[in-house]
Amino acid sequence: MNNVLDEIIELMKGAGTRQIETGVPGLSMIKGDIPAHQLAALYEPMIGFTVQGTKILSIGERSTDLEGPSYYVLPVHVPATASVHPDGDGRPYMSLGLKLNQNVLQSLLRDLPENLLPTASEHFAACEMDIEFMEAWLRLLRLSKTSRDIPALAPAYEREILYRVLMGPQGWYLRQFGLRESNLSKISQIVKWFRDNFMKPIDVGEMASKSGMAINTFHRQFKRATGLSPIQFQKQLRLLEARNLIAFEGYPVASAAYHVGYQSPSQFNREYSRFFGSSPARDTENLKRIESTRD
């Protein structure tokens, strides 16, 4: 396993603290001391492979240590904060990400016998990597050096990675992502609406009705999928957008608060400070200083 991991690390030597696309569709890489503000984001549906070091991912009130080598599954878009840390020997944090493609997953599910498909999953956590799974990632990553092979081989290696995740402890979530009529897929559609309309007032009863669920069931399924209640989800989307407006588009704090849907600047300041760890003014000052040293 060490030889496989060493080759993956060598192939990732061109990665940096901003996410880099590898040239293989859906596959990206990142490494190093990534600023915390960059890790506060709306994470997309993906399989993450922590190659080296540790990522501490916080979704809602729960924080999960993702220590490499391990993988994890995010089946829906979710707002989160995170920090990354070197490994015990001081080697930099490194990770790969593979975007989830629902069409590819549906094709794979159609080819698998029903009795092989998982019916339950453990809670979100870091999952152990075996040598076969790590080799599948290596084969996919190698294609970044032989671009002519990508059209023929990348789909096969992607399917292998999806298959091995399906057979693992987080496989149920992946299966639910691929089934268009599953509760998770219905929640994914609501999440998409949130992403496009996070500044609007929300009616949880109406959302539950659109999903074909009772309100209590909708709340439970939404939190199971995202780790957040609908109200928390909307709030964190608003805070992420407001941060971009203040730090990178020059909006005054009050204007940004109103723009994303807050009526009370004092409430906005409290919730901003709780989510990001400092006030909007201090956070903006830190962000600009960090960005100026990186440019």
Protein backbone atom coordinates (compact mmCIF):
# COMPACT_ATOMS: atom_id res chain seq x y z
CA MET A 1 0.00 0.00 0.00
CA ASN A 2 2.87 2.37 0.76
CA ASN A 3 4.17 2.12 -2.81
CA VAL A 4 0.73 2.99 -4.19
CA LEU A 5 0.40 5.93 -1.81
CA ASP A 6 3.90 7.15 -2.67
CA GLU A 7 3.05 7.18 -6.39
CA ILE A 8 -0.19 9.09 -5.73
CA ILE A 9 1.76 11.68 -3.72
CA GLU A 10 4.33 11.98 -6.52
CA LEU A 11 1.58 12.52 -9.10
CA MET A 12 0.15 15.27 -6.87
CA LYS A 13 3.39 17.26 -6.60
CA GLY A 14 1.94 19.98 -8.84
CA ALA A 15 -0.99 20.60 -6.48
CA GLY A 16 -1.20 23.76 -4.38
CA THR A 17 -3.42 25.47 -1.84
CA ARG A 18 -6.07 26.28 -4.44
CA GLN A 19 -8.04 23.41 -5.95
CA ILE A 20 -6.55 22.28 -9.26
CA GLU A 21 -8.38 20.33 -11.95
CA THR A 22 -6.27 17.37 -13.06
CA GLY A 23 -7.56 17.18 -16.64
CA VAL A 24 -9.47 14.01 -15.77
CA PRO A 25 -13.19 14.93 -15.74
CA GLY A 26 -14.41 15.50 -12.19
CA LEU A 27 -11.06 14.83 -10.53
CA SER A 28 -9.33 17.62 -8.61
CA MET A 29 -6.47 17.88 -6.12
CA ILE A 30 -5.23 20.21 -3.41
CA LYS A 31 -2.44 20.24 -0.84
CA GLY A 32 -0.71 22.34 1.78
CA ASP A 33 -1.76 24.86 4.41
CA ILE A 34 -5.11 25.88 2.92
CA PRO A 35 -6.56 29.08 4.44
CA ALA A 36 -9.62 28.45 6.62
CA HIS A 37 -11.73 30.97 4.68
CA GLN A 38 -11.22 28.95 1.51
CA LEU A 39 -12.49 25.86 3.32
CA ALA A 40 -15.68 27.60 4.46
CA ALA A 41 -17.79 26.85 1.41
CA LEU A 42 -20.75 25.11 -0.14
CA TYR A 43 -19.30 21.64 -0.73
CA GLU A 44 -20.61 19.81 -3.79
CA PRO A 45 -21.60 16.12 -3.97
CA MET A 46 -18.32 14.25 -4.08
CA ILE A 47 -16.10 11.44 -2.92
CA GLY A 48 -13.12 12.87 -1.05
CA PHE A 49 -9.83 11.00 -0.62
CA THR A 50 -7.64 12.37 2.16
CA VAL A 51 -4.24 11.21 0.95
CA GLN A 52 -2.10 12.64 3.74
CA GLY A 53 -2.63 14.74 6.85
CA THR A 54 -6.04 15.50 8.35
CA LYS A 55 -9.09 17.55 7.43
CA ILE A 56 -11.51 18.51 10.20
CA LEU A 57 -14.86 19.10 8.51
CA SER A 58 -17.62 20.82 10.47
CA ILE A 59 -21.21 20.49 9.27
CA GLY A 60 -23.76 22.02 11.59
CA GLU A 61 -22.77 21.17 15.15
CA ARG A 62 -20.77 18.07 14.23
CA SER A 63 -17.06 17.99 13.41
CA THR A 64 -15.44 14.93 11.81
CA ASP A 65 -11.72 14.14 11.64
CA LEU A 66 -10.83 12.89 8.15
CA GLU A 67 -7.34 11.51 8.66
CA GLY A 68 -5.47 10.12 5.69
CA PRO A 69 -5.39 7.76 4.03
CA SER A 70 -9.19 7.57 4.10
CA TYR A 71 -12.22 8.55 2.05
CA TYR A 72 -15.61 10.11 2.69
CA VAL A 73 -18.85 10.72 0.80
CA LEU A 74 -20.85 13.95 0.54
CA PRO A 75 -24.05 12.98 -1.32
CA VAL A 76 -25.59 16.49 -1.46
CA HIS A 77 -24.42 20.09 -1.53
CA VAL A 78 -23.76 21.20 2.04
CA PRO A 79 -22.33 24.37 3.62
CA ALA A 80 -19.43 23.57 5.92
CA THR A 81 -16.30 24.94 7.53
CA ALA A 82 -13.02 23.08 7.82
CA SER A 83 -9.37 23.18 8.78
CA VAL A 84 -6.48 21.08 7.47
CA HIS A 85 -3.35 19.86 9.24
CA PRO A 86 -0.08 18.11 8.29
CA ASP A 87 0.44 14.49 9.29
CA GLY A 88 2.37 13.43 12.37
CA ASP A 89 5.69 13.72 10.52
CA GLY A 90 4.96 17.25 9.33
CA ARG A 91 4.18 16.27 5.73
CA PRO A 92 1.54 18.53 4.13
CA TYR A 93 -2.14 17.83 3.90
CA MET A 94 -3.08 16.39 0.49
CA SER A 95 -6.42 15.30 -0.93
CA LEU A 96 -8.23 14.30 -4.10
CA GLY A 97 -11.87 14.92 -4.90
CA LEU A 98 -14.13 13.18 -7.42
CA LYS A 99 -17.42 14.93 -8.27
CA LEU A 100 -20.43 12.66 -8.16
CA ASN A 101 -22.02 12.18 -11.55
CA GLN A 102 -25.61 10.98 -11.12
CA ASN A 103 -25.85 9.64 -14.68
CA VAL A 104 -22.73 7.48 -14.27
CA LEU A 105 -23.98 6.23 -10.93
CA GLN A 106 -27.41 5.37 -12.32
CA SER A 107 -25.81 3.39 -15.13
CA LEU A 108 -23.72 1.47 -12.61
CA LEU A 109 -26.73 0.76 -10.39
CA ARG A 110 -28.62 -0.68 -13.35
CA ASP A 111 -25.77 -3.13 -13.94
CA LEU A 112 -25.63 -4.41 -10.36
CA PRO A 113 -27.82 -7.20 -8.95
CA GLU A 114 -30.31 -5.87 -6.41
CA ASN A 115 -29.00 -8.19 -3.69
CA LEU A 116 -25.56 -6.54 -3.90
CA LEU A 117 -26.86 -3.04 -3.21
CA PRO A 118 -26.55 -1.66 0.34
CA THR A 119 -29.66 -1.06 2.43
CA ALA A 120 -28.10 1.00 5.25
CA SER A 121 -25.06 3.15 5.95
CA GLU A 122 -23.06 4.26 8.92
CA HIS A 123 -23.09 7.94 9.88
CA PHE A 124 -20.80 10.32 7.98
CA ALA A 125 -17.22 9.46 8.86
CA ALA A 126 -13.77 8.76 7.47
CA CYS A 127 -13.73 5.31 5.82
CA GLU A 128 -10.70 3.06 5.64
CA MET A 129 -8.96 2.56 2.28
CA ASP A 130 -7.96 -0.93 1.16
CA ILE A 131 -5.27 -1.53 -1.45
CA GLU A 132 -7.74 -2.27 -4.28
CA PHE A 133 -9.60 1.00 -3.72
CA MET A 134 -6.39 3.01 -3.52
CA GLU A 135 -5.15 1.43 -6.75
CA ALA A 136 -8.36 2.53 -8.50
CA TRP A 137 -7.64 6.15 -7.50
CA LEU A 138 -4.06 5.76 -8.68
CA ARG A 139 -5.16 4.50 -12.10
CA LEU A 140 -7.53 7.46 -12.46
CA LEU A 141 -4.87 9.95 -11.38
CA ARG A 142 -2.26 8.47 -13.73
CA LEU A 143 -4.48 9.54 -16.63
CA SER A 144 -3.57 13.16 -15.86
CA LYS A 145 -0.19 12.33 -17.43
CA THR A 146 -1.60 10.47 -20.46
CA SER A 147 -4.46 12.66 -21.66
CA ARG A 148 -5.05 10.61 -24.83
CA ASP A 149 -6.19 7.70 -22.63
CA ILE A 150 -8.76 9.71 -20.68
CA PRO A 151 -11.81 9.22 -22.99
CA ALA A 152 -11.35 5.44 -23.10
CA LEU A 153 -10.23 4.66 -19.55
CA ALA A 154 -11.50 7.36 -17.18
CA PRO A 155 -15.15 6.15 -17.29
CA ALA A 156 -14.05 2.62 -16.34
CA TYR A 157 -11.90 3.79 -13.43
CA GLU A 158 -14.63 6.16 -12.24
CA ARG A 159 -17.14 3.31 -12.21
CA GLU A 160 -14.71 1.17 -10.22
CA ILE A 161 -14.34 3.90 -7.58
CA LEU A 162 -18.13 4.30 -7.38
CA TYR A 163 -18.58 0.53 -7.12
CA ARG A 164 -16.09 0.23 -4.27
CA VAL A 165 -17.78 3.08 -2.40
CA LEU A 166 -21.17 1.42 -2.96
CA MET A 167 -19.82 -1.73 -1.34
CA GLY A 168 -18.40 0.21 1.61
CA PRO A 169 -19.80 1.68 4.84
CA GLN A 170 -21.14 4.83 3.08
CA GLY A 171 -22.61 2.92 0.14
CA TRP A 172 -26.26 3.51 1.05
CA TYR A 173 -25.84 7.27 0.70
CA LEU A 174 -24.27 6.84 -2.70
CA ARG A 175 -27.07 4.52 -3.81
CA GLN A 176 -29.68 7.03 -2.65
CA PHE A 177 -27.93 9.77 -4.64
CA GLY A 178 -28.30 7.64 -7.76
CA LEU A 179 -31.99 6.81 -7.31
CA ARG A 180 -34.10 9.67 -8.65
CA GLU A 181 -37.16 8.80 -6.53
CA SER A 182 -35.29 8.31 -3.25
CA ASN A 183 -35.80 10.67 -0.34
CA LEU A 184 -32.19 11.80 -0.73
CA SER A 185 -32.78 12.75 -4.37
CA LYS A 186 -35.90 14.67 -3.35
CA ILE A 187 -33.90 16.51 -0.69
CA SER A 188 -31.22 17.21 -3.33
CA GLN A 189 -33.84 19.00 -5.41
CA ILE A 190 -34.80 21.14 -2.43
CA VAL A 191 -31.11 21.88 -1.81
CA LYS A 192 -30.82 23.02 -5.43
CA TRP A 193 -33.76 25.38 -4.86
CA PHE A 194 -32.02 26.72 -1.74
CA ARG A 195 -28.84 27.41 -3.70
CA ASP A 196 -30.77 29.49 -6.25
CA ASN A 197 -33.18 31.19 -3.82
CA PHE A 198 -31.41 31.45 -0.46
CA MET A 199 -32.36 35.14 -0.11
CA LYS A 200 -36.08 34.38 -0.20
CA PRO A 201 -38.21 33.49 2.84
CA ILE A 202 -38.78 29.75 3.12
CA ASP A 203 -41.95 27.81 3.81
CA VAL A 204 -40.95 24.43 5.22
CA GLY A 205 -44.51 23.11 4.88
CA GLU A 206 -44.52 23.93 1.16
CA MET A 207 -41.11 22.29 0.69
CA ALA A 208 -42.27 19.16 2.49
CA SER A 209 -45.36 19.04 0.29
CA LYS A 210 -43.27 19.37 -2.89
CA SER A 211 -41.12 16.49 -1.66
CA GLY A 212 -44.17 14.34 -0.94
CA MET A 213 -43.30 14.09 2.75
CA ALA A 214 -44.93 15.03 6.02
CA ILE A 215 -43.24 18.02 7.69
CA ASN A 216 -41.62 15.92 10.44
CA THR A 217 -40.36 13.40 7.88
CA PHE A 218 -39.02 16.20 5.69
CA HIS A 219 -37.14 17.75 8.63
CA ARG A 220 -35.67 14.38 9.56
CA GLN A 221 -34.63 13.50 6.00
CA PHE A 222 -33.20 16.97 5.35
CA LYS A 223 -31.04 16.83 8.47
CA ARG A 224 -29.97 13.26 7.71
CA ALA A 225 -28.81 14.32 4.24
CA THR A 226 -27.17 17.65 5.09
CA GLY A 227 -26.46 17.61 8.83
CA LEU A 228 -28.51 20.82 9.12
CA SER A 229 -32.13 21.89 9.52
CA PRO A 230 -33.60 23.80 6.54
CA ILE A 231 -33.35 27.07 8.49
CA GLN A 232 -29.71 26.42 9.41
CA PHE A 233 -28.94 25.50 5.82
CA GLN A 234 -30.41 28.73 4.49
CA LYS A 235 -28.64 30.78 7.17
CA GLN A 236 -25.23 29.35 6.32
CA LEU A 237 -25.72 29.90 2.59
CA ARG A 238 -26.57 33.52 3.35
CA LEU A 239 -23.49 33.95 5.52
CA LEU A 240 -21.19 32.46 2.88
CA GLU A 241 -22.59 34.79 0.22
CA ALA A 242 -22.38 37.81 2.54
CA ARG A 243 -18.74 37.03 3.27
CA ASN A 244 -17.90 37.11 -0.43
CA LEU A 245 -19.77 40.40 -0.87
CA ILE A 246 -17.99 42.09 2.05
CA ALA A 247 -14.48 40.73 1.56
CA PHE A 248 -14.19 40.56 -2.22
CA GLU A 249 -16.85 42.87 -3.72
CA GLY A 250 -16.54 45.80 -1.36
CA TYR A 251 -20.03 45.77 0.15
CA PRO A 252 -20.46 47.55 3.51
CA VAL A 253 -21.44 45.07 6.24
CA ALA A 254 -25.01 46.34 6.61
CA SER A 255 -25.59 46.36 2.85
CA ALA A 256 -24.36 42.78 2.54
CA ALA A 257 -26.59 41.71 5.42
CA TYR A 258 -29.69 43.21 3.80
CA HIS A 259 -28.71 41.87 0.37
CA VAL A 260 -28.71 38.24 1.57
CA GLY A 261 -31.96 38.57 3.45
CA TYR A 262 -31.16 39.74 6.99
CA GLN A 263 -33.39 42.44 8.47
CA SER A 264 -31.28 42.99 11.58
CA PRO A 265 -27.58 43.97 11.23
CA SER A 266 -26.94 43.05 14.88
CA GLN A 267 -28.34 39.55 14.32
CA PHE A 268 -26.22 39.25 11.19
CA ASN A 269 -23.08 40.24 13.13
CA ARG A 270 -23.79 37.68 15.86
CA GLU A 271 -24.42 34.83 13.44
CA TYR A 272 -21.49 35.78 11.22
CA SER A 273 -19.13 35.80 14.22
CA ARG A 274 -20.46 32.45 15.43
CA PHE A 275 -20.06 30.78 12.02
CA PHE A 276 -16.71 32.23 10.92
CA GLY A 277 -15.10 32.81 14.32
CA SER A 278 -14.70 36.60 14.10
CA SER A 279 -16.70 39.72 13.30
CA PRO A 280 -17.31 40.71 9.66
CA ALA A 281 -14.86 43.63 9.90
CA ARG A 282 -12.06 41.62 11.49
CA ASP A 283 -12.68 38.63 9.25
CA THR A 284 -12.54 40.83 6.14
CA GLU A 285 -9.27 42.37 7.30
CA ASN A 286 -7.78 38.90 7.79
CA LEU A 287 -9.02 37.68 4.40
CA LYS A 288 -7.56 40.63 2.53
CA ARG A 289 -4.22 40.25 4.31
CA ILE A 290 -4.08 36.54 3.46
CA GLU A 291 -5.01 37.12 -0.17
CA SER A 292 -2.43 39.90 -0.56
CA THR A 293 0.35 37.62 0.67
CA ARG A 294 -0.69 34.90 -1.78
CA ASP A 295 -0.91 37.04 -4.92
